[in-house]
Amino acid sequence: MKNDFINIPYTSSNLDRYTIRTAIFKSIKKSIRLFEGNLLDIGCGKMPYKAYILQHSKIDNYTGLDIESALLYDNNVKPDYTWDGVKMPFENNTFQCAFGTEVLEHCLEPEVILKETYRVLKTGGYFFFTVPFLWNLHEVPNDAYRYTPFSLERHLKNSGFKTIQIKATGGWHASMAQMLGLWVKRSPMSNKKRKILISVLKPIIKVLINKDNSEKVIFKEGQMITGLYGYAQK
């Protein structure tokens, strides 16, 4: 079975997910040099990046952690550990690195999970993260936040992290592509209308994605972003 978090198809059925999944995977590839030793996958779900990370990094041991009440995305994939959202079941200074993709927006008290992440990381360890900014409500009512880079940096600093790097997963062009994809695939409309609009918008969305350059995004007044990624070091 293909892993469509890594082998991401650009098809009519995937227009709503293509932009965000491509951006997340690119951000992981850009940051994989940080992954070594023991890794903790926070909010791991079905751990779609596990095989890639183990193959392309210096990770010795991969541990998946999820909340006790988490949605089950795959009956064949279970987390190695679960937790109550208050205290992770690990000793201090256990992991060289941790990562959480599209997790922090579901945390009612984000500094609880960030402080626990800081606690279980070894000194010098990295926490890699991605969060959405332009995305529909999902997993309601457990969809709590959309972070700006400024609020996210504040939460990380309040949790003890010192060295923090935050970048955009996409700028204006990617934002338009993502919004068009979400609209044409998820908004209410007839099947006939959806089919026609998909045929019209599919090439436009691809052009917008190709024109986007997230590396040039500056967090200034009026800037639009699709989401954020980065790392924080203990």
C-alpha atoms as a PDB file:
ATOM      1  CA  MET A   1       0.000   0.000   0.000  1.00  0.00           C
ATOM      2  CA  LYS A   2       1.328   3.423  -0.970  1.00  0.00           C
ATOM      3  CA  ASN A   3       1.973   5.911   1.810  1.00  0.00           C
ATOM      4  CA  ASP A   4       0.240   9.064   0.532  1.00  0.00           C
ATOM      5  CA  PHE A   5       1.962  11.166   3.186  1.00  0.00           C
ATOM      6  CA  ILE A   6       5.281  10.553   1.412  1.00  0.00           C
ATOM      7  CA  ASN A   7       4.382   9.290  -2.068  1.00  0.00           C
ATOM      8  CA  ILE A   8       1.894  12.110  -2.513  1.00  0.00           C
ATOM      9  CA  PRO A   9      -0.199  11.865  -5.678  1.00  0.00           C
ATOM     10  CA  TYR A  10      -1.455  14.918  -7.517  1.00  0.00           C
ATOM     11  CA  THR A  11      -4.869  13.656  -8.543  1.00  0.00           C
ATOM     12  CA  SER A  12      -8.433  14.902  -8.651  1.00  0.00           C
ATOM     13  CA  SER A  13      -9.141  12.989  -5.452  1.00  0.00           C
ATOM     14  CA  ASN A  14      -6.246  14.583  -3.565  1.00  0.00           C
ATOM     15  CA  LEU A  15      -6.554  18.303  -4.359  1.00  0.00           C
ATOM     16  CA  ASP A  16      -7.575  19.148  -0.787  1.00  0.00           C
ATOM     17  CA  ARG A  17      -4.591  17.376   0.797  1.00  0.00           C
ATOM     18  CA  TYR A  18      -1.810  17.697  -1.755  1.00  0.00           C
ATOM     19  CA  THR A  19      -0.551  21.173  -0.815  1.00  0.00           C
ATOM     20  CA  ILE A  20      -0.353  20.595   2.925  1.00  0.00           C
ATOM     21  CA  ARG A  21       1.043  17.071   2.765  1.00  0.00           C
ATOM     22  CA  THR A  22       3.702  18.080   0.264  1.00  0.00           C
ATOM     23  CA  ALA A  23       4.718  21.023   2.465  1.00  0.00           C
ATOM     24  CA  ILE A  24       4.902  18.915   5.634  1.00  0.00           C
ATOM     25  CA  PHE A  25       7.007  16.247   3.962  1.00  0.00           C
ATOM     26  CA  LYS A  26       9.355  18.890   2.513  1.00  0.00           C
ATOM     27  CA  SER A  27       9.783  20.420   5.969  1.00  0.00           C
ATOM     28  CA  ILE A  28      10.671  17.018   7.423  1.00  0.00           C
ATOM     29  CA  LYS A  29      13.257  16.407   4.690  1.00  0.00           C
ATOM     30  CA  LYS A  30      14.786  19.848   5.304  1.00  0.00           C
ATOM     31  CA  SER A  31      15.089  19.185   9.032  1.00  0.00           C
ATOM     32  CA  ILE A  32      15.934  15.481   9.120  1.00  0.00           C
ATOM     33  CA  ARG A  33      19.569  16.271   9.967  1.00  0.00           C
ATOM     34  CA  LEU A  34      18.297  17.085  13.472  1.00  0.00           C
ATOM     35  CA  PHE A  35      16.938  13.565  14.009  1.00  0.00           C
ATOM     36  CA  GLU A  36      19.314  11.224  15.808  1.00  0.00           C
ATOM     37  CA  GLY A  37      19.378   8.819  18.726  1.00  0.00           C
ATOM     38  CA  ASN A  38      16.043   8.136  20.405  1.00  0.00           C
ATOM     39  CA  LEU A  39      13.071   9.893  18.820  1.00  0.00           C
ATOM     40  CA  LEU A  40       9.633  10.540  20.337  1.00  0.00           C
ATOM     41  CA  ASP A  41       6.728  10.955  17.905  1.00  0.00           C
ATOM     42  CA  ILE A  42       4.135  13.008  19.795  1.00  0.00           C
ATOM     43  CA  GLY A  43       0.540  12.566  18.659  1.00  0.00           C
ATOM     44  CA  CYS A  44       1.842   9.819  16.421  1.00  0.00           C
ATOM     45  CA  GLY A  45      -1.417   8.552  14.905  1.00  0.00           C
ATOM     46  CA  LYS A  46      -0.487   5.912  12.316  1.00  0.00           C
ATOM     47  CA  MET A  47       3.136   7.139  12.206  1.00  0.00           C
ATOM     48  CA  PRO A  48       3.209   7.801   8.439  1.00  0.00           C
ATOM     49  CA  TYR A  49       6.758   9.200   8.469  1.00  0.00           C
ATOM     50  CA  LYS A  50       8.343   6.480  10.611  1.00  0.00           C
ATOM     51  CA  ALA A  51       9.818   4.347   7.822  1.00  0.00           C
ATOM     52  CA  TYR A  52      11.221   7.375   5.977  1.00  0.00           C
ATOM     53  CA  ILE A  53      12.791   8.860   9.104  1.00  0.00           C
ATOM     54  CA  LEU A  54      14.375   5.560  10.147  1.00  0.00           C
ATOM     55  CA  GLN A  55      15.806   5.110   6.659  1.00  0.00           C
ATOM     56  CA  HIS A  56      17.129   8.651   6.160  1.00  0.00           C
ATOM     57  CA  SER A  57      18.291   9.765   9.613  1.00  0.00           C
ATOM     58  CA  LYS A  58      20.533   8.694  12.481  1.00  0.00           C
ATOM     59  CA  ILE A  59      17.593   7.554  14.614  1.00  0.00           C
ATOM     60  CA  ASP A  60      18.315   4.422  16.677  1.00  0.00           C
ATOM     61  CA  ASN A  61      14.901   4.025  18.278  1.00  0.00           C
ATOM     62  CA  TYR A  62      11.504   5.403  17.243  1.00  0.00           C
ATOM     63  CA  THR A  63       8.785   5.710  19.911  1.00  0.00           C
ATOM     64  CA  GLY A  64       5.196   6.611  19.104  1.00  0.00           C
ATOM     65  CA  LEU A  65       3.118   8.407  21.744  1.00  0.00           C
ATOM     66  CA  ASP A  66      -0.545   9.357  21.491  1.00  0.00           C
ATOM     67  CA  ILE A  67      -3.279  10.632  23.754  1.00  0.00           C
ATOM     68  CA  GLU A  68      -5.486   7.960  25.321  1.00  0.00           C
ATOM     69  CA  SER A  69      -8.583   9.285  23.544  1.00  0.00           C
ATOM     70  CA  ALA A  70      -6.930   9.730  20.125  1.00  0.00           C
ATOM     71  CA  LEU A  71      -8.731   8.802  16.928  1.00  0.00           C
ATOM     72  CA  LEU A  72      -7.680   5.450  15.507  1.00  0.00           C
ATOM     73  CA  TYR A  73      -6.574   6.012  11.903  1.00  0.00           C
ATOM     74  CA  ASP A  74      -5.279   2.504  11.221  1.00  0.00           C
ATOM     75  CA  ASN A  75      -6.283  -0.702  13.006  1.00  0.00           C
ATOM     76  CA  ASN A  76      -2.878  -2.184  12.216  1.00  0.00           C
ATOM     77  CA  VAL A  77      -0.830   0.651  13.754  1.00  0.00           C
ATOM     78  CA  LYS A  78      -0.933   1.370  17.474  1.00  0.00           C
ATOM     79  CA  PRO A  79       1.171   3.820  19.511  1.00  0.00           C
ATOM     80  CA  ASP A  80       3.943   2.383  21.625  1.00  0.00           C
ATOM     81  CA  TYR A  81       2.672   4.430  24.572  1.00  0.00           C
ATOM     82  CA  THR A  82      -0.411   6.462  25.438  1.00  0.00           C
ATOM     83  CA  TRP A  83      -0.721   9.302  27.914  1.00  0.00           C
ATOM     84  CA  ASP A  84      -3.360  11.357  29.694  1.00  0.00           C
ATOM     85  CA  GLY A  85      -2.290  14.715  28.289  1.00  0.00           C
ATOM     86  CA  VAL A  86      -0.786  15.768  31.622  1.00  0.00           C
ATOM     87  CA  LYS A  87       2.371  13.724  32.182  1.00  0.00           C
ATOM     88  CA  MET A  88       4.240  11.669  29.589  1.00  0.00           C
ATOM     89  CA  PRO A  89       5.208   8.153  30.772  1.00  0.00           C
ATOM     90  CA  PHE A  90       8.951   8.770  30.464  1.00  0.00           C
ATOM     91  CA  GLU A  91      11.814   9.817  32.711  1.00  0.00           C
ATOM     92  CA  ASN A  92      13.512  13.192  32.371  1.00  0.00           C
ATOM     93  CA  ASN A  93      16.137  13.474  29.610  1.00  0.00           C
ATOM     94  CA  THR A  94      15.063  10.326  27.752  1.00  0.00           C
ATOM     95  CA  PHE A  95      15.045  11.400  24.090  1.00  0.00           C
ATOM     96  CA  GLN A  96      17.553  13.140  21.825  1.00  0.00           C
ATOM     97  CA  CYS A  97      14.740  14.474  19.656  1.00  0.00           C
ATOM     98  CA  ALA A  98      10.971  14.695  19.396  1.00  0.00           C
ATOM     99  CA  PHE A  99       8.555  15.735  16.724  1.00  0.00           C
ATOM    100  CA  GLY A 100       4.864  16.464  16.319  1.00  0.00           C
ATOM    101  CA  THR A 101       3.185  17.125  12.979  1.00  0.00           C
ATOM    102  CA  GLU A 102      -0.203  18.863  13.029  1.00  0.00           C
ATOM    103  CA  VAL A 103      -0.643  18.169  16.751  1.00  0.00           C
ATOM    104  CA  LEU A 104      -0.358  21.402  18.722  1.00  0.00           C
ATOM    105  CA  GLU A 105      -3.584  22.851  17.274  1.00  0.00           C
ATOM    106  CA  HIS A 106      -5.444  20.109  19.167  1.00  0.00           C
ATOM    107  CA  CYS A 107      -3.880  20.907  22.557  1.00  0.00           C
ATOM    108  CA  LEU A 108      -6.213  22.943  24.776  1.00  0.00           C
ATOM    109  CA  GLU A 109      -3.225  23.864  26.960  1.00  0.00           C
ATOM    110  CA  PRO A 110      -0.259  23.855  24.546  1.00  0.00           C
ATOM    111  CA  GLU A 111       2.326  24.672  27.183  1.00  0.00           C
ATOM    112  CA  VAL A 112       1.443  21.485  29.043  1.00  0.00           C
ATOM    113  CA  ILE A 113       2.580  19.337  26.123  1.00  0.00           C
ATOM    114  CA  LEU A 114       5.503  21.659  25.331  1.00  0.00           C
ATOM    115  CA  LYS A 115       6.794  21.593  28.901  1.00  0.00           C
ATOM    116  CA  GLU A 116       6.487  17.803  28.982  1.00  0.00           C
ATOM    117  CA  THR A 117       8.349  17.611  25.689  1.00  0.00           C
ATOM    118  CA  TYR A 118      11.070  19.826  27.136  1.00  0.00           C
ATOM    119  CA  ARG A 119      11.273  17.607  30.235  1.00  0.00           C
ATOM    120  CA  VAL A 120      11.754  14.329  28.379  1.00  0.00           C
ATOM    121  CA  LEU A 121      14.305  15.769  25.932  1.00  0.00           C
ATOM    122  CA  LYS A 122      18.005  15.548  26.676  1.00  0.00           C
ATOM    123  CA  THR A 123      19.958  18.803  26.911  1.00  0.00           C
ATOM    124  CA  GLY A 124      20.676  19.953  23.379  1.00  0.00           C
ATOM    125  CA  GLY A 125      17.807  17.876  21.996  1.00  0.00           C
ATOM    126  CA  TYR A 126      15.455  19.158  19.301  1.00  0.00           C
ATOM    127  CA  PHE A 127      11.687  19.327  19.045  1.00  0.00           C
ATOM    128  CA  PHE A 128      10.489  19.509  15.432  1.00  0.00           C
ATOM    129  CA  PHE A 129       6.916  20.642  14.742  1.00  0.00           C
ATOM    130  CA  THR A 130       4.404  21.589  12.079  1.00  0.00           C
ATOM    131  CA  VAL A 131       1.095  23.369  12.631  1.00  0.00           C
ATOM    132  CA  PRO A 132      -1.637  24.464  10.214  1.00  0.00           C
ATOM    133  CA  PHE A 133      -2.735  28.047   9.729  1.00  0.00           C
ATOM    134  CA  LEU A 134      -5.065  27.892   6.720  1.00  0.00           C
ATOM    135  CA  TRP A 135      -7.173  24.778   7.265  1.00  0.00           C
ATOM    136  CA  ASN A 136     -10.774  23.788   7.833  1.00  0.00           C
ATOM    137  CA  LEU A 137     -12.186  22.834  11.207  1.00  0.00           C
ATOM    138  CA  HIS A 138     -11.280  19.193  11.867  1.00  0.00           C
ATOM    139  CA  GLU A 139     -11.631  16.613  14.627  1.00  0.00           C
ATOM    140  CA  VAL A 140     -14.234  18.914  16.170  1.00  0.00           C
ATOM    141  CA  PRO A 141     -14.623  19.872  18.936  1.00  0.00           C
ATOM    142  CA  ASN A 142     -10.946  19.065  19.541  1.00  0.00           C
ATOM    143  CA  ASP A 143      -9.666  21.712  17.138  1.00  0.00           C
ATOM    144  CA  ALA A 144      -8.387  24.417  19.438  1.00  0.00           C
ATOM    145  CA  TYR A 145      -5.949  26.820  17.751  1.00  0.00           C
ATOM    146  CA  ARG A 146      -4.384  28.326  14.653  1.00  0.00           C
ATOM    147  CA  TYR A 147      -0.955  29.693  15.598  1.00  0.00           C
ATOM    148  CA  THR A 148       0.845  32.743  14.309  1.00  0.00           C
ATOM    149  CA  PRO A 149       4.666  32.479  14.387  1.00  0.00           C
ATOM    150  CA  PHE A 150       4.665  34.999  17.237  1.00  0.00           C
ATOM    151  CA  SER A 151       2.285  33.104  19.519  1.00  0.00           C
ATOM    152  CA  LEU A 152       4.035  29.816  18.805  1.00  0.00           C
ATOM    153  CA  GLU A 153       7.425  31.293  19.662  1.00  0.00           C
ATOM    154  CA  ARG A 154       6.014  32.694  22.903  1.00  0.00           C
ATOM    155  CA  HIS A 155       4.614  29.295  23.960  1.00  0.00           C
ATOM    156  CA  LEU A 156       7.937  27.614  23.194  1.00  0.00           C
ATOM    157  CA  LYS A 157       9.904  30.164  25.193  1.00  0.00           C
ATOM    158  CA  ASN A 158       7.464  29.928  28.100  1.00  0.00           C
ATOM    159  CA  SER A 159       8.059  26.157  28.071  1.00  0.00           C
ATOM    160  CA  GLY A 160      11.826  26.516  28.440  1.00  0.00           C
ATOM    161  CA  PHE A 161      13.115  26.291  24.875  1.00  0.00           C
ATOM    162  CA  LYS A 162      15.841  28.759  23.946  1.00  0.00           C
ATOM    163  CA  THR A 163      16.945  28.252  20.332  1.00  0.00           C
ATOM    164  CA  ILE A 164      13.822  28.505  18.176  1.00  0.00           C
ATOM    165  CA  GLN A 165      13.496  28.501  14.378  1.00  0.00           C
ATOM    166  CA  ILE A 166      10.068  28.982  12.767  1.00  0.00           C
ATOM    167  CA  LYS A 167       9.342  29.091   9.034  1.00  0.00           C
ATOM    168  CA  ALA A 168       6.279  29.104   6.793  1.00  0.00           C
ATOM    169  CA  THR A 169       5.191  25.951   4.988  1.00  0.00           C
ATOM    170  CA  GLY A 170       3.789  28.146   2.202  1.00  0.00           C
ATOM    171  CA  GLY A 171       3.090  31.751   1.218  1.00  0.00           C
ATOM    172  CA  TRP A 172       0.439  33.521  -0.846  1.00  0.00           C
ATOM    173  CA  HIS A 173       0.460  31.207  -3.874  1.00  0.00           C
ATOM    174  CA  ALA A 174       0.358  28.036  -1.774  1.00  0.00           C
ATOM    175  CA  SER A 175      -2.399  29.552   0.368  1.00  0.00           C
ATOM    176  CA  MET A 176      -4.553  30.159  -2.697  1.00  0.00           C
ATOM    177  CA  ALA A 177      -3.824  26.661  -3.997  1.00  0.00           C
ATOM    178  CA  GLN A 178      -4.723  25.112  -0.665  1.00  0.00           C
ATOM    179  CA  MET A 179      -7.933  27.113  -0.342  1.00  0.00           C
ATOM    180  CA  LEU A 180      -9.051  26.231  -3.875  1.00  0.00           C
ATOM    181  CA  GLY A 181      -8.328  22.563  -3.217  1.00  0.00           C
ATOM    182  CA  LEU A 182     -10.281  22.571   0.031  1.00  0.00           C
ATOM    183  CA  TRP A 183     -13.181  24.464  -1.530  1.00  0.00           C
ATOM    184  CA  VAL A 184     -13.566  22.273  -4.593  1.00  0.00           C
ATOM    185  CA  LYS A 185     -13.257  19.020  -2.639  1.00  0.00           C
ATOM    186  CA  ARG A 186     -14.975  19.763   0.682  1.00  0.00           C
ATOM    187  CA  SER A 187     -17.514  22.568   0.295  1.00  0.00           C
ATOM    188  CA  PRO A 188     -21.158  21.645  -0.347  1.00  0.00           C
ATOM    189  CA  MET A 189     -21.989  21.439  -4.053  1.00  0.00           C
ATOM    190  CA  SER A 190     -23.498  18.995  -6.532  1.00  0.00           C
ATOM    191  CA  ASN A 191     -21.369  16.183  -7.908  1.00  0.00           C
ATOM    192  CA  LYS A 192     -21.774  17.570 -11.411  1.00  0.00           C
ATOM    193  CA  LYS A 193     -20.575  21.022 -10.395  1.00  0.00           C
ATOM    194  CA  ARG A 194     -17.684  19.554  -8.398  1.00  0.00           C
ATOM    195  CA  LYS A 195     -16.527  17.465 -11.347  1.00  0.00           C
ATOM    196  CA  ILE A 196     -16.525  20.464 -13.683  1.00  0.00           C
ATOM    197  CA  LEU A 197     -14.726  22.729 -11.211  1.00  0.00           C
ATOM    198  CA  ILE A 198     -12.075  20.102 -10.461  1.00  0.00           C
ATOM    199  CA  SER A 199     -11.235  19.839 -14.163  1.00  0.00           C
ATOM    200  CA  VAL A 200     -10.896  23.637 -14.362  1.00  0.00           C
ATOM    201  CA  LEU A 201      -9.016  24.202 -11.098  1.00  0.00           C
ATOM    202  CA  LYS A 202      -6.630  21.244 -11.080  1.00  0.00           C
ATOM    203  CA  PRO A 203      -4.062  22.805 -13.483  1.00  0.00           C
ATOM    204  CA  ILE A 204      -4.437  26.217 -11.811  1.00  0.00           C
ATOM    205  CA  ILE A 205      -3.708  24.763  -8.383  1.00  0.00           C
ATOM    206  CA  LYS A 206      -0.565  23.069  -9.705  1.00  0.00           C
ATOM    207  CA  VAL A 207       0.680  26.331 -11.251  1.00  0.00           C
ATOM    208  CA  LEU A 208       0.152  28.149  -7.932  1.00  0.00           C
ATOM    209  CA  ILE A 209       2.038  25.460  -6.013  1.00  0.00           C
ATOM    210  CA  ASN A 210       4.953  25.624  -8.445  1.00  0.00           C
ATOM    211  CA  LYS A 211       5.116  29.429  -8.153  1.00  0.00           C
ATOM    212  CA  ASP A 212       5.241  29.399  -4.359  1.00  0.00           C
ATOM    213  CA  ASN A 213       8.546  29.830  -2.535  1.00  0.00           C
ATOM    214  CA  SER A 214       8.104  29.367   1.192  1.00  0.00           C
ATOM    215  CA  GLU A 215      11.781  30.091   1.857  1.00  0.00           C
ATOM    216  CA  LYS A 216      11.222  33.724   0.896  1.00  0.00           C
ATOM    217  CA  VAL A 217       8.251  34.240   3.225  1.00  0.00           C
ATOM    218  CA  ILE A 218       8.836  36.961   5.806  1.00  0.00           C
ATOM    219  CA  PHE A 219       6.494  37.242   8.775  1.00  0.00           C
ATOM    220  CA  LYS A 220       5.364  40.804   8.148  1.00  0.00           C
ATOM    221  CA  GLU A 221       2.117  42.762   8.042  1.00  0.00           C
ATOM    222  CA  GLY A 222      -0.245  41.399   5.381  1.00  0.00           C
ATOM    223  CA  GLN A 223       1.616  38.136   4.728  1.00  0.00           C
ATOM    224  CA  MET A 224      -0.488  35.012   4.155  1.00  0.00           C
ATOM    225  CA  ILE A 225       0.763  31.552   5.152  1.00  0.00           C
ATOM    226  CA  THR A 226      -0.523  28.010   4.886  1.00  0.00           C
ATOM    227  CA  GLY A 227       1.125  26.840   8.099  1.00  0.00           C
ATOM    228  CA  LEU A 228       4.326  26.759  10.102  1.00  0.00           C
ATOM    229  CA  TYR A 229       7.200  24.381  10.746  1.00  0.00           C
ATOM    230  CA  GLY A 230      10.402  24.568  12.671  1.00  0.00           C
ATOM    231  CA  TYR A 231      12.338  23.373  15.641  1.00  0.00           C
ATOM    232  CA  ALA A 232      13.148  24.333  19.201  1.00  0.00           C
ATOM    233  CA  GLN A 233      16.226  23.203  21.094  1.00  0.00           C
ATOM    234  CA  LYS A 234      16.529  22.434  24.788  1.00  0.00           C
END
